[in-house]
Amino acid sequence: MRSAVRSVGRTCLTSRPAAEAYVGGVCFKLGPPQLIGAELEWLTAQPPGHARPDLASLAAALGPHTPRTINPASPAQPLPGGSAVTVEPGGQIELSSAPWRSARELCDYLAADRAVLADLLSSESIFMASEAADSRRPAHRLLQSPRYCAMEERFAGIGPFGKLMMCNTAATQISVDAGADAAAVEQRWRLLHAIGPALVAAFACSTRLFGIPDGEWASQRMRTWLELDASRTVGPPSSADYAAWVLDAPLLCLRNEGGDWTPPSPVTFGDWVDGALDDEIGRPTSADLDYHLTTLFPPVRAAGHLEVRYLDAQPGDLWRVPIAAIDALLSGPGVMTEALDAALPTADRWRDAAEFGLRDVELRAAATALLSLAASYSPDPEFVRLLDAAAERCCRGRAPGEEY
């Protein structure tokens, strides 16, 4: 089993045939990069007093689109544009797009599904807030599944940021094809990590978080991840190291027929493979491995494709900008080389990016350069305009949505 670590994503980009190959022990779907997808999250609230909506209200509003985490009998139908609806532990609502062949298609269908979702929720007086961190309400978990109970229990031993991450934050996540071959996978993996700190700073817009003293952090959402369990949130710099990292990560959940999924602590997946739990439940299956992979939260996650997880939810419809940026920066070997050169001075500065954001001169310069580069390579006139505006905003040290 140790030699068979592989990645099976929850929402793999699988609308076209693709070869599968192991790169560094991880299974990727290989082929010319063509598809892009995204997951958008919003905080939700309901009168009176901006309360969290209860699960019954969410189910009544969503009808046949209700996720099975709320109603196991739901057909969980996608919205007209192909997006699946999910609900996060604190009542945040998420659209997980279908994979599309262009960033333009992706944004158009997501925008259409967002409008449908807002209309559905309005039937129960639930509204969506485009905020990356909830500064008004204490963290409160609505979903009571054994997974989230075990997750909260593990994170509670570390500090307050685990429950805040689960219940009071929202992100923009972008998924892209892994690459045509092993060398391309490693190149794209390296680039997505290298540009990460600069893009965290460029799109940081969560300066306040409930219960955390107001300070100078540009992205309190990213801070929650940095203050958590580093064994599952700080991923390896190379795709070749991913399989070993998966084995060394502690178990977050141990699925069983009962309601308590809290694992013996500390037990890594590798320990389980080597027999640490033989007296309790025996050795893990491939399904156990697949589930373990869903409990790991690195900045870039291997899921058959590459999943970028480090960006704040954006104000209004500005979520289009990071989608356009990632798409353009990965669009060819020339731009990827230029992007890597621009990003290397700030690569690995994740904590500085979350804390200081664009106040840091080096991060501001890298963010401005990357967004200007993305604008110069984007084939879409609207995206060029949005990326140029974002580059100018970064140059001025302004957060997304701030007036000039």
Protein backbone atom coordinates (compact mmCIF):
# COMPACT_ATOMS: atom_id res chain seq x y z
CA MET A 1 0.00 0.00 0.00
CA ARG A 2 2.85 2.41 0.76
CA SER A 3 3.92 2.17 -2.88
CA ALA A 4 0.37 2.71 -4.13
CA VAL A 5 -0.43 6.16 -2.76
CA ARG A 6 -2.57 7.84 -5.35
CA SER A 7 -4.83 10.86 -5.64
CA VAL A 8 -8.50 10.55 -6.51
CA GLY A 9 -10.21 13.96 -6.48
CA ARG A 10 -13.72 14.76 -5.36
CA THR A 11 -14.28 16.94 -8.43
CA CYS A 12 -11.71 15.78 -10.95
CA LEU A 13 -11.64 17.41 -14.37
CA THR A 14 -12.88 14.35 -16.25
CA SER A 15 -15.08 15.56 -19.09
CA ARG A 16 -12.55 14.37 -21.67
CA PRO A 17 -10.54 11.14 -21.97
CA ALA A 18 -7.13 11.39 -20.32
CA ALA A 19 -4.29 9.06 -19.53
CA GLU A 20 -3.49 8.40 -15.90
CA ALA A 21 0.08 8.17 -14.67
CA TYR A 22 1.87 8.16 -11.36
CA VAL A 23 4.11 11.16 -10.76
CA GLY A 24 6.06 10.87 -7.53
CA GLY A 25 3.61 8.19 -6.37
CA VAL A 26 0.54 10.34 -7.04
CA CYS A 27 -1.96 9.59 -9.77
CA PHE A 28 -2.62 12.48 -12.17
CA LYS A 29 -4.80 12.68 -15.26
CA LEU A 30 -2.32 13.55 -17.98
CA GLY A 31 -3.02 15.30 -21.26
CA PRO A 32 -2.69 18.70 -22.90
CA PRO A 33 -4.03 21.25 -20.37
CA GLN A 34 -7.48 22.28 -21.54
CA LEU A 35 -9.89 22.46 -18.60
CA ILE A 36 -10.41 24.84 -15.72
CA GLY A 37 -12.87 24.81 -12.83
CA ALA A 38 -13.52 26.76 -9.65
CA GLU A 39 -15.23 26.62 -6.27
CA LEU A 40 -16.71 29.85 -4.93
CA GLU A 41 -17.82 30.27 -1.32
CA TRP A 42 -20.03 32.85 0.36
CA LEU A 43 -21.02 33.47 3.95
CA THR A 44 -24.78 33.24 4.48
CA ALA A 45 -27.12 35.06 6.83
CA GLN A 46 -30.82 35.34 7.55
CA PRO A 47 -32.97 37.85 9.44
CA PRO A 48 -33.23 38.77 12.17
CA GLY A 49 -29.83 40.05 13.10
CA HIS A 50 -27.78 38.38 10.35
CA ALA A 51 -28.18 34.97 12.01
CA ARG A 52 -26.79 31.84 10.42
CA PRO A 53 -29.56 30.12 8.47
CA ASP A 54 -30.67 26.81 9.90
CA LEU A 55 -30.30 23.65 7.83
CA ALA A 56 -34.06 23.28 7.36
CA SER A 57 -34.25 26.73 5.77
CA LEU A 58 -31.32 25.94 3.48
CA ALA A 59 -32.93 22.66 2.41
CA ALA A 60 -36.28 24.37 1.79
CA ALA A 61 -34.59 27.01 -0.35
CA LEU A 62 -32.37 24.68 -2.36
CA GLY A 63 -34.99 21.99 -3.03
CA PRO A 64 -33.61 19.34 -5.43
CA HIS A 65 -30.20 21.05 -5.32
CA THR A 66 -29.81 20.40 -1.59
CA PRO A 67 -26.49 18.67 -0.87
CA ARG A 68 -26.63 15.23 0.71
CA THR A 69 -24.70 16.46 3.74
CA ILE A 70 -27.99 18.13 4.71
CA ASN A 71 -30.46 15.65 3.25
CA PRO A 72 -29.04 12.20 2.38
CA ALA A 73 -32.12 11.48 0.22
CA SER A 74 -31.68 14.60 -1.93
CA PRO A 75 -31.04 14.12 -5.67
CA ALA A 76 -28.43 16.90 -5.28
CA GLN A 77 -29.05 18.12 -8.80
CA PRO A 78 -26.55 20.59 -10.26
CA LEU A 79 -27.71 24.08 -11.16
CA PRO A 80 -28.45 24.89 -14.83
CA GLY A 81 -24.83 25.90 -15.51
CA GLY A 82 -23.51 22.61 -14.16
CA SER A 83 -22.40 23.79 -10.71
CA ALA A 84 -22.98 21.59 -7.67
CA VAL A 85 -24.15 23.25 -4.45
CA THR A 86 -22.48 22.36 -1.18
CA VAL A 87 -22.81 23.72 2.34
CA GLU A 88 -19.80 24.14 4.60
CA PRO A 89 -19.84 23.51 8.38
CA GLY A 90 -20.80 27.07 9.40
CA GLY A 91 -23.49 27.46 6.76
CA GLN A 92 -21.24 28.91 4.06
CA ILE A 93 -22.62 28.09 0.63
CA GLU A 94 -20.39 26.91 -2.19
CA LEU A 95 -20.68 26.48 -5.93
CA SER A 96 -18.41 23.79 -7.38
CA SER A 97 -18.33 24.39 -11.10
CA ALA A 98 -18.31 21.90 -13.90
CA PRO A 99 -14.98 21.85 -15.79
CA TRP A 100 -14.87 24.19 -18.78
CA ARG A 101 -12.50 24.67 -21.69
CA SER A 102 -11.93 28.36 -21.09
CA ALA A 103 -11.92 30.81 -18.23
CA ARG A 104 -14.57 32.79 -20.10
CA GLU A 105 -16.97 29.83 -20.19
CA LEU A 106 -16.22 29.07 -16.56
CA CYS A 107 -16.95 32.61 -15.40
CA ASP A 108 -20.10 32.96 -17.49
CA TYR A 109 -21.63 29.72 -16.21
CA LEU A 110 -20.60 30.42 -12.62
CA ALA A 111 -22.15 33.89 -12.81
CA ALA A 112 -25.39 32.41 -14.14
CA ASP A 113 -25.47 29.75 -11.43
CA ARG A 114 -24.67 32.32 -8.76
CA ALA A 115 -27.73 34.32 -9.83
CA VAL A 116 -29.90 31.18 -9.69
CA LEU A 117 -28.51 30.30 -6.26
CA ALA A 118 -29.15 33.78 -4.87
CA ASP A 119 -32.73 33.63 -6.16
CA LEU A 120 -33.30 30.22 -4.56
CA LEU A 121 -31.94 31.36 -1.22
CA SER A 122 -34.02 34.53 -1.26
CA SER A 123 -37.16 32.38 -1.02
CA GLU A 124 -36.16 31.75 2.62
CA SER A 125 -34.78 35.28 3.16
CA ILE A 126 -31.21 33.94 3.09
CA PHE A 127 -28.62 36.22 1.54
CA MET A 128 -25.04 35.59 0.41
CA ALA A 129 -22.21 37.80 1.65
CA SER A 130 -19.06 38.17 -0.47
CA GLU A 131 -16.69 38.14 2.49
CA ALA A 132 -13.67 35.95 3.11
CA ALA A 133 -13.95 36.15 6.91
CA ASP A 134 -16.89 36.60 9.27
CA SER A 135 -16.12 39.33 11.79
CA ARG A 136 -19.63 39.65 13.27
CA ARG A 137 -20.60 36.20 14.53
CA PRO A 138 -18.89 33.65 16.77
CA ALA A 139 -17.91 30.41 15.11
CA HIS A 140 -20.82 27.97 15.24
CA ARG A 141 -20.98 24.66 13.41
CA LEU A 142 -24.27 23.70 11.75
CA LEU A 143 -23.23 20.39 10.18
CA GLN A 144 -23.03 17.65 12.80
CA SER A 145 -21.58 14.81 10.74
CA PRO A 146 -18.94 12.58 12.36
CA ARG A 147 -16.34 14.03 9.97
CA TYR A 148 -16.80 17.58 11.17
CA CYS A 149 -17.09 16.55 14.81
CA ALA A 150 -13.72 14.77 14.56
CA MET A 151 -12.22 17.71 12.68
CA GLU A 152 -13.35 20.24 15.27
CA GLU A 153 -12.08 18.09 18.12
CA ARG A 154 -8.60 17.77 16.58
CA PHE A 155 -8.33 21.45 15.73
CA ALA A 156 -9.66 22.54 19.16
CA GLY A 157 -6.51 21.15 20.72
CA ILE A 158 -4.43 23.54 18.63
CA GLY A 159 -6.29 26.79 19.25
CA PRO A 160 -9.30 28.86 18.12
CA PHE A 161 -8.41 29.07 14.45
CA GLY A 162 -9.66 25.61 13.49
CA LYS A 163 -13.30 26.26 14.28
CA LEU A 164 -13.01 29.76 12.82
CA MET A 165 -11.65 28.28 9.59
CA MET A 166 -14.47 25.75 9.46
CA CYS A 167 -17.30 28.16 10.22
CA ASN A 168 -16.19 31.75 9.57
CA THR A 169 -14.15 31.79 6.36
CA ALA A 170 -14.77 31.59 2.62
CA ALA A 171 -12.36 31.07 -0.26
CA THR A 172 -11.96 31.15 -4.02
CA GLN A 173 -10.50 27.84 -5.25
CA ILE A 174 -9.34 27.18 -8.81
CA SER A 175 -8.66 23.80 -10.42
CA VAL A 176 -6.52 23.25 -13.51
CA ASP A 177 -5.30 20.25 -15.46
CA ALA A 178 -2.09 18.72 -14.15
CA GLY A 179 -0.16 18.68 -17.42
CA ALA A 180 0.75 16.59 -20.44
CA ASP A 181 3.51 14.54 -18.80
CA ALA A 182 5.47 14.19 -15.58
CA ALA A 183 7.79 17.10 -16.37
CA ALA A 184 4.83 19.37 -17.10
CA VAL A 185 3.12 18.34 -13.86
CA GLU A 186 6.19 19.30 -11.84
CA GLN A 187 6.56 22.60 -13.75
CA ARG A 188 2.95 23.59 -13.14
CA TRP A 189 3.11 22.41 -9.51
CA ARG A 190 6.22 24.49 -8.90
CA LEU A 191 4.77 27.57 -10.54
CA LEU A 192 1.47 27.44 -8.63
CA HIS A 193 3.43 27.28 -5.38
CA ALA A 194 5.90 30.00 -6.37
CA ILE A 195 3.22 32.52 -7.34
CA GLY A 196 1.14 31.67 -4.26
CA PRO A 197 2.45 34.22 -1.74
CA ALA A 198 2.27 37.09 -4.23
CA LEU A 199 -1.30 36.13 -5.20
CA VAL A 200 -2.30 35.71 -1.54
CA ALA A 201 -1.16 39.31 -1.05
CA ALA A 202 -2.83 40.50 -4.27
CA PHE A 203 -6.22 39.09 -3.32
CA ALA A 204 -6.11 39.41 0.48
CA CYS A 205 -9.32 41.05 1.71
CA SER A 206 -10.08 39.61 5.17
CA THR A 207 -8.54 41.90 7.77
CA ARG A 208 -11.03 41.10 10.55
CA LEU A 209 -12.18 37.81 12.07
CA PHE A 210 -14.55 37.31 14.99
CA GLY A 211 -12.81 36.87 18.32
CA ILE A 212 -9.36 37.71 16.99
CA PRO A 213 -8.03 41.10 18.07
CA ASP A 214 -7.89 43.58 15.22
CA GLY A 215 -4.36 43.73 13.93
CA GLU A 216 -2.41 44.10 10.77
CA TRP A 217 -3.17 40.80 9.07
CA ALA A 218 -4.21 41.28 5.44
CA SER A 219 -5.78 37.81 5.15
CA GLN A 220 -7.23 36.48 8.37
CA ARG A 221 -8.68 33.61 6.30
CA MET A 222 -5.21 32.50 5.21
CA ARG A 223 -4.02 33.03 8.78
CA THR A 224 -6.46 30.41 10.03
CA TRP A 225 -4.73 27.81 7.84
CA LEU A 226 -1.26 28.92 8.87
CA GLU A 227 -2.16 28.61 12.56
CA LEU A 228 -3.59 25.11 12.14
CA ASP A 229 -2.21 21.61 11.88
CA ALA A 230 0.91 22.13 9.72
CA SER A 231 1.16 18.38 9.10
CA ARG A 232 -1.89 18.61 6.84
CA THR A 233 -1.90 22.26 5.71
CA VAL A 234 1.73 22.87 4.68
CA GLY A 235 2.23 20.76 1.58
CA PRO A 236 5.47 19.67 -0.09
CA PRO A 237 7.24 22.02 -2.53
CA SER A 238 7.57 19.29 -5.16
CA SER A 239 5.01 16.92 -6.59
CA ALA A 240 7.60 14.17 -6.16
CA ASP A 241 7.28 14.50 -2.38
CA TYR A 242 3.48 14.44 -2.22
CA ALA A 243 3.00 10.72 -1.67
CA ALA A 244 5.40 10.62 1.28
CA TRP A 245 3.69 13.68 2.75
CA VAL A 246 0.30 11.94 2.48
CA LEU A 247 1.61 8.92 4.39
CA ASP A 248 3.13 11.08 7.12
CA ALA A 249 -0.05 13.10 7.72
CA PRO A 250 -2.01 12.18 10.89
CA LEU A 251 -5.45 10.70 10.52
CA LEU A 252 -8.18 13.30 10.91
CA CYS A 253 -11.09 10.85 10.75
CA LEU A 254 -11.41 7.13 11.14
CA ARG A 255 -14.64 6.13 9.44
CA ASN A 256 -16.83 3.52 11.11
CA GLU A 257 -20.48 2.60 11.58
CA GLY A 258 -20.81 4.65 14.75
CA GLY A 259 -20.98 8.35 15.34
CA ASP A 260 -17.46 8.88 16.71
CA TRP A 261 -14.80 9.09 14.00
CA THR A 262 -12.07 10.48 16.24
CA PRO A 263 -8.90 8.47 15.48
CA PRO A 264 -6.36 7.27 18.01
CA SER A 265 -3.80 10.02 18.35
CA PRO A 266 -1.23 10.31 17.02
CA VAL A 267 -1.56 7.83 14.13
CA THR A 268 -0.47 8.68 10.60
CA PHE A 269 -1.81 6.97 7.51
CA GLY A 270 1.58 5.34 7.12
CA ASP A 271 1.32 3.98 10.67
CA TRP A 272 -2.04 2.50 9.77
CA VAL A 273 -0.55 0.89 6.67
CA ASP A 274 2.21 -0.60 8.81
CA GLY A 275 -0.25 -2.20 11.24
CA ALA A 276 -0.69 0.35 14.02
CA LEU A 277 -4.45 -0.30 14.08
CA ASP A 278 -4.45 -4.05 13.40
CA ASP A 279 -6.03 -4.85 16.76
CA GLU A 280 -8.84 -2.32 16.23
CA ILE A 281 -9.83 -2.37 12.56
CA GLY A 282 -7.10 -3.96 10.43
CA ARG A 283 -5.28 -2.41 7.46
CA PRO A 284 -6.66 0.45 5.34
CA THR A 285 -8.29 -0.07 1.97
CA SER A 286 -7.85 2.07 -1.14
CA ALA A 287 -11.16 3.74 -0.22
CA ASP A 288 -9.67 4.69 3.14
CA LEU A 289 -6.73 6.26 1.32
CA ASP A 290 -9.05 8.18 -0.99
CA TYR A 291 -10.91 9.52 2.03
CA HIS A 292 -7.68 10.43 3.85
CA LEU A 293 -6.70 12.56 0.83
CA THR A 294 -9.84 14.68 1.31
CA THR A 295 -8.70 15.54 4.85
CA LEU A 296 -5.47 17.19 3.66
CA PHE A 297 -5.51 20.93 2.94
CA PRO A 298 -2.23 22.13 1.39
CA PRO A 299 -2.06 25.38 -0.61
CA VAL A 300 -2.06 23.28 -3.80
CA ARG A 301 -3.74 19.90 -3.57
CA ALA A 302 -3.28 16.95 -5.89
CA ALA A 303 -6.71 15.69 -6.87
CA GLY A 304 -6.05 14.10 -10.26
CA HIS A 305 -5.71 17.73 -11.30
CA LEU A 306 -4.14 20.64 -9.38
CA GLU A 307 -6.37 22.51 -6.94
CA VAL A 308 -5.32 26.02 -5.88
CA ARG A 309 -6.65 26.64 -2.36
CA TYR A 310 -4.89 29.79 -1.12
CA LEU A 311 -7.10 32.68 -2.28
CA ASP A 312 -9.62 34.72 -0.30
CA ALA A 313 -13.23 34.92 -1.46
CA GLN A 314 -13.49 38.16 -3.41
CA PRO A 315 -15.91 41.09 -3.11
CA GLY A 316 -18.85 41.12 -5.53
CA ASP A 317 -17.97 39.56 -8.87
CA LEU A 318 -14.21 40.12 -8.54
CA TRP A 319 -13.73 36.35 -8.22
CA ARG A 320 -13.31 36.51 -12.00
CA VAL A 321 -9.91 38.18 -11.57
CA PRO A 322 -7.98 35.35 -9.86
CA ILE A 323 -9.56 32.86 -12.26
CA ALA A 324 -8.39 34.94 -15.22
CA ALA A 325 -4.95 35.38 -13.63
CA ILE A 326 -4.32 31.67 -12.97
CA ASP A 327 -5.60 30.76 -16.44
CA ALA A 328 -3.33 33.28 -18.18
CA LEU A 329 -0.23 32.54 -16.09
CA LEU A 330 -0.45 28.83 -16.98
CA SER A 331 -1.34 29.36 -20.63
CA GLY A 332 2.04 28.50 -22.18
CA PRO A 333 5.74 27.90 -21.58
CA GLY A 334 6.73 31.51 -22.23
CA VAL A 335 4.41 33.10 -19.71
CA MET A 336 5.15 30.36 -17.18
CA THR A 337 8.88 31.12 -17.38
CA GLU A 338 8.25 34.84 -16.96
CA ALA A 339 5.84 34.24 -14.10
CA LEU A 340 8.33 32.04 -12.26
CA ASP A 341 11.03 34.69 -12.60
CA ALA A 342 8.66 37.34 -11.22
CA ALA A 343 7.53 35.13 -8.33
CA LEU A 344 10.81 33.60 -7.12
CA PRO A 345 11.82 36.56 -4.90
CA THR A 346 8.69 36.01 -2.78
CA ALA A 347 8.22 32.26 -3.13
CA ASP A 348 7.66 30.56 0.25
CA ARG A 349 6.72 33.84 1.99
CA TRP A 350 3.24 32.56 2.83
CA ARG A 351 3.06 33.98 6.33
CA ASP A 352 4.34 37.41 5.27
CA ALA A 353 1.78 37.47 2.47
CA ALA A 354 -1.09 36.72 4.85
CA GLU A 355 0.12 39.13 7.52
CA PHE A 356 1.43 42.10 5.55
CA GLY A 357 -0.18 41.65 2.14
CA LEU A 358 0.56 44.50 -0.23
CA ARG A 359 2.14 46.57 2.56
CA ASP A 360 5.25 44.49 1.92
CA VAL A 361 7.13 46.20 -0.93
CA GLU A 362 8.55 42.97 -2.37
CA LEU A 363 5.20 41.19 -2.34
CA ARG A 364 3.50 44.25 -3.86
CA ALA A 365 6.04 44.32 -6.69
CA ALA A 366 5.62 40.61 -7.39
CA ALA A 367 1.82 40.83 -7.30
CA THR A 368 1.81 43.80 -9.65
CA ALA A 369 4.21 42.07 -12.05
CA LEU A 370 2.21 38.83 -12.10
CA LEU A 371 -1.13 40.52 -12.75
CA SER A 372 0.40 42.74 -15.45
CA LEU A 373 1.91 39.64 -17.03
CA ALA A 374 -1.44 37.84 -16.86
CA ALA A 375 -3.11 40.81 -18.58
CA SER A 376 -0.56 40.71 -21.40
CA TYR A 377 -1.21 37.01 -22.06
CA SER A 378 -4.97 36.82 -21.54
CA PRO A 379 -6.91 36.32 -24.79
CA ASP A 380 -10.12 37.85 -23.40
CA PRO A 381 -10.60 41.64 -23.65
CA GLU A 382 -12.71 41.84 -20.48
CA PHE A 383 -10.15 39.86 -18.52
CA VAL A 384 -7.36 42.09 -19.84
CA ARG A 385 -9.24 45.11 -18.49
CA LEU A 386 -9.88 43.45 -15.11
CA LEU A 387 -6.28 42.25 -14.77
CA ASP A 388 -4.84 45.63 -15.72
CA ALA A 389 -7.07 47.27 -13.10
CA ALA A 390 -6.00 44.69 -10.51
CA ALA A 391 -2.33 45.29 -11.32
CA GLU A 392 -2.81 49.03 -10.87
CA ARG A 393 -4.66 48.41 -7.60
CA CYS A 394 -1.79 46.27 -6.33
CA CYS A 395 0.75 48.89 -7.37
CA ARG A 396 -1.15 51.36 -5.19
CA GLY A 397 -1.24 48.88 -2.31
CA ARG A 398 -5.05 48.59 -2.31
CA ALA A 399 -7.06 45.50 -1.40
CA PRO A 400 -9.72 44.08 -3.75
CA GLY A 401 -12.82 46.26 -3.78
CA GLU A 402 -11.08 49.30 -2.31
CA GLU A 403 -11.59 52.59 -4.09
CA TYR A 404 -8.63 54.30 -5.62
